[in-house]
N, C-alpha and C. Protein backbone atom coordinates (compact mmCIF):
# COMPACT_ATOMS: atom_id res chain seq x y z
N MET A 1 80.27 41.00 87.69
CA MET A 1 79.90 39.68 87.19
C MET A 1 80.09 39.66 85.69
N PRO A 2 80.61 38.58 85.18
CA PRO A 2 80.76 38.47 83.73
C PRO A 2 79.42 38.48 83.02
N GLY A 3 79.45 38.64 81.70
CA GLY A 3 78.23 38.59 80.91
C GLY A 3 77.55 37.24 81.05
N SER A 4 76.31 37.17 80.61
CA SER A 4 75.52 35.94 80.77
C SER A 4 76.17 34.74 80.12
N LYS A 5 76.94 34.95 79.05
CA LYS A 5 77.60 33.83 78.38
C LYS A 5 78.69 33.22 79.25
N ASP A 6 79.22 33.99 80.17
CA ASP A 6 80.32 33.53 81.00
C ASP A 6 79.89 33.10 82.41
N ILE A 7 78.61 33.15 82.70
CA ILE A 7 78.14 32.85 84.05
C ILE A 7 78.50 31.43 84.47
N LYS A 8 78.24 30.46 83.61
CA LYS A 8 78.56 29.08 83.97
C LYS A 8 80.04 28.92 84.27
N ASN A 9 80.89 29.48 83.42
CA ASN A 9 82.34 29.38 83.65
C ASN A 9 82.73 30.01 84.98
N ALA A 10 82.15 31.16 85.30
CA ALA A 10 82.46 31.84 86.56
C ALA A 10 82.00 31.01 87.75
N LEU A 11 80.78 30.44 87.66
CA LEU A 11 80.25 29.64 88.77
C LEU A 11 81.04 28.35 88.97
N GLU A 12 81.56 27.79 87.89
CA GLU A 12 82.34 26.55 88.00
C GLU A 12 83.60 26.74 88.82
N THR A 13 84.08 27.98 88.97
CA THR A 13 85.27 28.23 89.79
C THR A 13 85.02 27.95 91.27
N VAL A 14 83.74 27.86 91.66
CA VAL A 14 83.40 27.52 93.05
C VAL A 14 83.79 26.08 93.35
N GLY A 15 83.80 25.23 92.32
CA GLY A 15 84.28 23.85 92.51
C GLY A 15 83.20 22.80 92.72
N ILE A 16 81.95 23.14 92.40
CA ILE A 16 80.87 22.16 92.50
C ILE A 16 80.14 22.11 91.15
N PRO A 17 79.35 21.05 90.90
CA PRO A 17 78.63 20.96 89.62
C PRO A 17 77.67 22.13 89.41
N VAL A 18 77.60 22.59 88.14
CA VAL A 18 76.74 23.72 87.74
C VAL A 18 75.99 23.33 86.48
N ALA A 19 74.70 23.69 86.42
CA ALA A 19 73.91 23.43 85.21
C ALA A 19 72.95 24.59 84.98
N TYR A 20 72.54 24.74 83.72
CA TYR A 20 71.51 25.71 83.39
C TYR A 20 70.15 25.06 83.66
N ARG A 21 69.35 25.66 84.50
CA ARG A 21 68.01 25.24 84.91
C ARG A 21 67.94 23.93 85.68
N GLN A 22 68.52 22.85 85.13
CA GLN A 22 68.41 21.55 85.80
C GLN A 22 69.51 20.62 85.31
N PHE A 23 69.77 19.58 86.10
CA PHE A 23 70.67 18.53 85.66
C PHE A 23 69.83 17.46 84.98
N ILE A 24 70.27 17.01 83.83
CA ILE A 24 69.55 15.98 83.09
C ILE A 24 70.31 14.67 83.29
N PRO A 25 69.66 13.68 83.88
CA PRO A 25 70.37 12.41 84.09
C PRO A 25 70.66 11.72 82.76
N LEU A 26 71.89 11.31 82.60
CA LEU A 26 72.31 10.57 81.42
C LEU A 26 72.82 9.20 81.87
N LYS A 27 72.92 8.28 80.93
CA LYS A 27 73.33 6.92 81.24
C LYS A 27 74.65 6.89 82.01
N ASP A 28 75.64 7.65 81.54
CA ASP A 28 76.96 7.66 82.16
C ASP A 28 77.17 8.79 83.15
N LYS A 29 76.14 9.65 83.31
CA LYS A 29 76.31 10.85 84.13
C LYS A 29 75.02 11.13 84.90
N PRO A 30 74.88 10.54 86.10
CA PRO A 30 73.65 10.79 86.87
C PRO A 30 73.62 12.20 87.45
N VAL A 31 72.47 12.60 87.93
CA VAL A 31 72.33 13.90 88.60
C VAL A 31 73.23 13.88 89.84
N PRO A 32 74.03 14.94 90.05
CA PRO A 32 74.96 14.94 91.19
C PRO A 32 74.23 15.07 92.52
N ASN A 33 74.88 14.56 93.55
CA ASN A 33 74.41 14.79 94.91
C ASN A 33 74.80 16.19 95.32
N PRO A 34 74.08 16.78 96.28
CA PRO A 34 74.45 18.12 96.76
C PRO A 34 75.86 18.08 97.36
N PRO A 35 76.59 19.18 97.29
CA PRO A 35 76.16 20.49 96.82
C PRO A 35 76.26 20.61 95.30
N PHE A 36 75.35 21.41 94.74
CA PHE A 36 75.39 21.75 93.32
C PHE A 36 74.65 23.06 93.13
N MET A 37 74.83 23.66 91.94
CA MET A 37 74.18 24.93 91.62
C MET A 37 73.47 24.82 90.29
N VAL A 38 72.38 25.57 90.17
CA VAL A 38 71.74 25.79 88.88
C VAL A 38 71.57 27.30 88.72
N TYR A 39 71.54 27.73 87.46
CA TYR A 39 71.30 29.14 87.19
C TYR A 39 70.23 29.26 86.12
N ILE A 40 69.48 30.35 86.20
CA ILE A 40 68.36 30.59 85.29
C ILE A 40 68.50 32.02 84.77
N ILE A 41 68.31 32.19 83.46
CA ILE A 41 68.36 33.51 82.84
C ILE A 41 66.99 33.82 82.26
N SER A 42 66.29 34.77 82.87
CA SER A 42 64.98 35.21 82.36
C SER A 42 64.48 36.34 83.22
N PRO A 43 63.67 37.20 82.75
CA PRO A 43 63.38 37.44 81.35
C PRO A 43 64.51 38.25 80.73
N GLU A 44 64.44 38.44 79.44
CA GLU A 44 65.40 39.28 78.73
C GLU A 44 64.65 40.43 78.09
N ASP A 45 65.19 41.64 78.22
CA ASP A 45 64.59 42.83 77.62
C ASP A 45 65.66 43.56 76.82
N ALA A 46 65.34 43.89 75.58
CA ALA A 46 66.27 44.64 74.74
C ALA A 46 65.74 46.06 74.58
N SER A 47 66.68 47.01 74.49
CA SER A 47 66.28 48.40 74.30
C SER A 47 67.32 49.11 73.45
N GLY A 48 66.93 50.27 72.95
CA GLY A 48 67.85 51.03 72.12
C GLY A 48 67.23 52.33 71.67
N ALA A 49 67.63 52.76 70.49
CA ALA A 49 67.13 54.01 69.91
C ALA A 49 67.25 53.93 68.40
N ASP A 50 66.54 54.81 67.73
CA ASP A 50 66.59 54.90 66.27
C ASP A 50 66.24 53.57 65.61
N GLY A 51 65.31 52.84 66.20
CA GLY A 51 64.85 51.59 65.60
C GLY A 51 65.80 50.42 65.73
N LYS A 52 66.83 50.53 66.59
CA LYS A 52 67.78 49.44 66.79
C LYS A 52 67.98 49.19 68.27
N ASN A 53 68.12 47.91 68.62
CA ASN A 53 68.41 47.55 70.00
C ASN A 53 69.93 47.55 70.21
N PHE A 54 70.36 48.20 71.29
CA PHE A 54 71.77 48.29 71.59
C PHE A 54 72.13 47.67 72.94
N LEU A 55 71.13 47.38 73.75
CA LEU A 55 71.37 46.91 75.10
C LEU A 55 70.37 45.82 75.44
N VAL A 56 70.85 44.75 76.08
CA VAL A 56 69.94 43.70 76.55
C VAL A 56 70.13 43.55 78.06
N LYS A 57 69.01 43.48 78.76
CA LYS A 57 68.99 43.30 80.21
C LYS A 57 68.53 41.87 80.47
N ARG A 58 69.28 41.16 81.29
CA ARG A 58 68.92 39.78 81.66
C ARG A 58 68.83 39.66 83.17
N HIS A 59 67.79 38.97 83.64
CA HIS A 59 67.64 38.70 85.07
C HIS A 59 68.21 37.31 85.34
N ILE A 60 69.15 37.22 86.26
CA ILE A 60 69.85 35.98 86.57
C ILE A 60 69.48 35.52 87.97
N SER A 61 69.17 34.23 88.10
CA SER A 61 68.97 33.60 89.40
C SER A 61 69.97 32.46 89.52
N ILE A 62 70.65 32.41 90.64
CA ILE A 62 71.59 31.32 90.94
C ILE A 62 71.07 30.63 92.19
N GLU A 63 70.93 29.31 92.12
CA GLU A 63 70.43 28.54 93.26
C GLU A 63 71.49 27.52 93.68
N LEU A 64 71.85 27.58 94.95
CA LEU A 64 72.81 26.65 95.56
C LEU A 64 72.04 25.66 96.42
N TYR A 65 72.24 24.38 96.18
CA TYR A 65 71.57 23.33 96.95
C TYR A 65 72.60 22.56 97.77
N THR A 66 72.33 22.44 99.08
CA THR A 66 73.24 21.73 99.98
C THR A 66 72.45 20.88 100.96
N ASP A 67 73.11 19.85 101.50
CA ASP A 67 72.48 19.01 102.53
C ASP A 67 72.43 19.71 103.88
N ALA A 68 73.40 20.59 104.13
CA ALA A 68 73.48 21.32 105.39
C ALA A 68 73.89 22.75 105.07
N LYS A 69 73.57 23.67 105.94
CA LYS A 69 73.96 25.06 105.77
C LYS A 69 75.47 25.13 105.62
N ASP A 70 75.95 25.78 104.56
CA ASP A 70 77.38 25.83 104.28
C ASP A 70 77.79 27.28 103.98
N ILE A 71 78.09 28.01 105.03
CA ILE A 71 78.43 29.43 104.90
C ILE A 71 79.69 29.62 104.07
N ALA A 72 80.68 28.75 104.22
CA ALA A 72 81.92 28.90 103.45
C ALA A 72 81.64 28.76 101.95
N LEU A 73 80.78 27.84 101.58
CA LEU A 73 80.44 27.66 100.16
C LEU A 73 79.65 28.87 99.66
N GLU A 74 78.75 29.39 100.48
CA GLU A 74 78.01 30.60 100.10
C GLU A 74 78.98 31.76 99.87
N GLN A 75 79.99 31.87 100.70
CA GLN A 75 80.97 32.94 100.54
C GLN A 75 81.76 32.79 99.24
N LYS A 76 82.02 31.56 98.81
CA LYS A 76 82.69 31.34 97.53
C LYS A 76 81.82 31.82 96.37
N VAL A 77 80.52 31.54 96.45
CA VAL A 77 79.61 32.02 95.41
C VAL A 77 79.59 33.55 95.42
N GLU A 78 79.50 34.13 96.59
CA GLU A 78 79.46 35.59 96.70
C GLU A 78 80.76 36.24 96.22
N ALA A 79 81.88 35.55 96.34
CA ALA A 79 83.14 36.08 95.81
C ALA A 79 83.07 36.17 94.28
N VAL A 80 82.40 35.21 93.65
CA VAL A 80 82.21 35.26 92.19
C VAL A 80 81.31 36.44 91.82
N LEU A 81 80.37 36.74 92.68
CA LEU A 81 79.39 37.80 92.41
C LEU A 81 79.83 39.16 92.94
N ASN A 82 81.09 39.29 93.36
CA ASN A 82 81.52 40.50 94.07
C ASN A 82 81.44 41.78 93.26
N SER A 83 81.32 41.70 91.94
CA SER A 83 81.28 42.93 91.14
C SER A 83 79.86 43.32 90.73
N THR A 84 78.86 42.68 91.33
CA THR A 84 77.47 43.00 90.98
C THR A 84 76.64 43.14 92.25
N GLU A 85 75.58 43.92 92.17
CA GLU A 85 74.64 44.01 93.29
C GLU A 85 73.66 42.86 93.18
N TRP A 86 73.39 42.18 94.29
CA TRP A 86 72.48 41.04 94.27
C TRP A 86 71.60 41.03 95.50
N THR A 87 70.53 40.26 95.44
CA THR A 87 69.72 39.97 96.61
C THR A 87 69.83 38.48 96.89
N LYS A 88 69.67 38.12 98.14
CA LYS A 88 69.86 36.74 98.56
C LYS A 88 68.66 36.27 99.36
N ASP A 89 68.26 35.02 99.13
CA ASP A 89 67.15 34.42 99.86
C ASP A 89 67.54 32.99 100.19
N GLU A 90 66.89 32.42 101.18
CA GLU A 90 67.20 31.05 101.61
C GLU A 90 65.91 30.32 101.97
N ASP A 91 65.92 29.01 101.73
CA ASP A 91 64.77 28.19 102.09
C ASP A 91 65.25 26.78 102.39
N TYR A 92 64.49 26.08 103.20
CA TYR A 92 64.75 24.66 103.45
C TYR A 92 63.64 23.88 102.76
N ILE A 93 64.02 22.94 101.92
CA ILE A 93 63.05 22.13 101.17
C ILE A 93 62.89 20.81 101.90
N GLU A 94 61.82 20.71 102.69
CA GLU A 94 61.62 19.53 103.52
C GLU A 94 61.52 18.25 102.71
N SER A 95 60.79 18.28 101.60
CA SER A 95 60.59 17.06 100.81
C SER A 95 61.90 16.52 100.24
N GLU A 96 62.90 17.38 100.08
CA GLU A 96 64.21 16.96 99.56
C GLU A 96 65.27 16.91 100.66
N ALA A 97 64.93 17.40 101.84
CA ALA A 97 65.86 17.47 102.97
C ALA A 97 67.15 18.20 102.58
N MET A 98 66.97 19.38 101.96
CA MET A 98 68.14 20.17 101.58
C MET A 98 67.83 21.66 101.66
N TYR A 99 68.91 22.41 101.75
CA TYR A 99 68.82 23.87 101.78
C TYR A 99 68.99 24.41 100.36
N MET A 100 68.31 25.53 100.09
CA MET A 100 68.46 26.23 98.83
C MET A 100 68.72 27.69 99.16
N VAL A 101 69.84 28.20 98.67
CA VAL A 101 70.17 29.61 98.81
C VAL A 101 70.17 30.18 97.40
N ALA A 102 69.48 31.31 97.21
CA ALA A 102 69.35 31.89 95.88
C ALA A 102 69.85 33.33 95.88
N TRP A 103 70.57 33.67 94.82
CA TRP A 103 71.02 35.03 94.56
C TRP A 103 70.36 35.49 93.27
N GLU A 104 69.90 36.73 93.23
CA GLU A 104 69.28 37.27 92.02
C GLU A 104 69.90 38.62 91.70
N PHE A 105 70.08 38.87 90.40
CA PHE A 105 70.65 40.14 89.95
C PHE A 105 70.36 40.32 88.47
N ASP A 106 70.62 41.51 87.97
CA ASP A 106 70.45 41.82 86.56
C ASP A 106 71.81 42.08 85.93
N THR A 107 71.94 41.68 84.66
CA THR A 107 73.13 42.02 83.89
C THR A 107 72.69 42.84 82.68
N PHE A 108 73.59 43.66 82.20
CA PHE A 108 73.34 44.48 81.01
C PHE A 108 74.49 44.23 80.04
N GLU A 109 74.15 43.94 78.80
CA GLU A 109 75.15 43.69 77.78
C GLU A 109 74.86 44.53 76.54
N LYS A 110 75.92 45.11 75.99
CA LYS A 110 75.78 45.84 74.74
C LYS A 110 75.66 44.85 73.61
N LEU A 111 74.78 45.14 72.67
CA LEU A 111 74.63 44.30 71.49
C LEU A 111 75.54 44.82 70.39
N GLY A 112 76.11 43.88 69.62
CA GLY A 112 77.05 44.23 68.55
C GLY A 112 76.42 45.07 67.52
């Protein structure tokens, strides 16, 4: 998986709308209908030696929202994530009448 700065670009290759945390409705751009994805980066931990941080660990959550179970779309997301170990969970949100599939993983980036 690319570094956290490239996550949105990588997820956009799936071909559906992607936002960090949430979609914000704008006058000319309403919140999209499903399917769509959001991603969340937290918490972040930095570590190092000799009084300097050299490595940052970020926990990433990706949430896919769909009106119906869409295995082919899930496989597209998983193809983007093919170079990282992840865990996957699924839930049906009755109040919204949609499915949510979530992938979680950690990334590590060297600091300049």
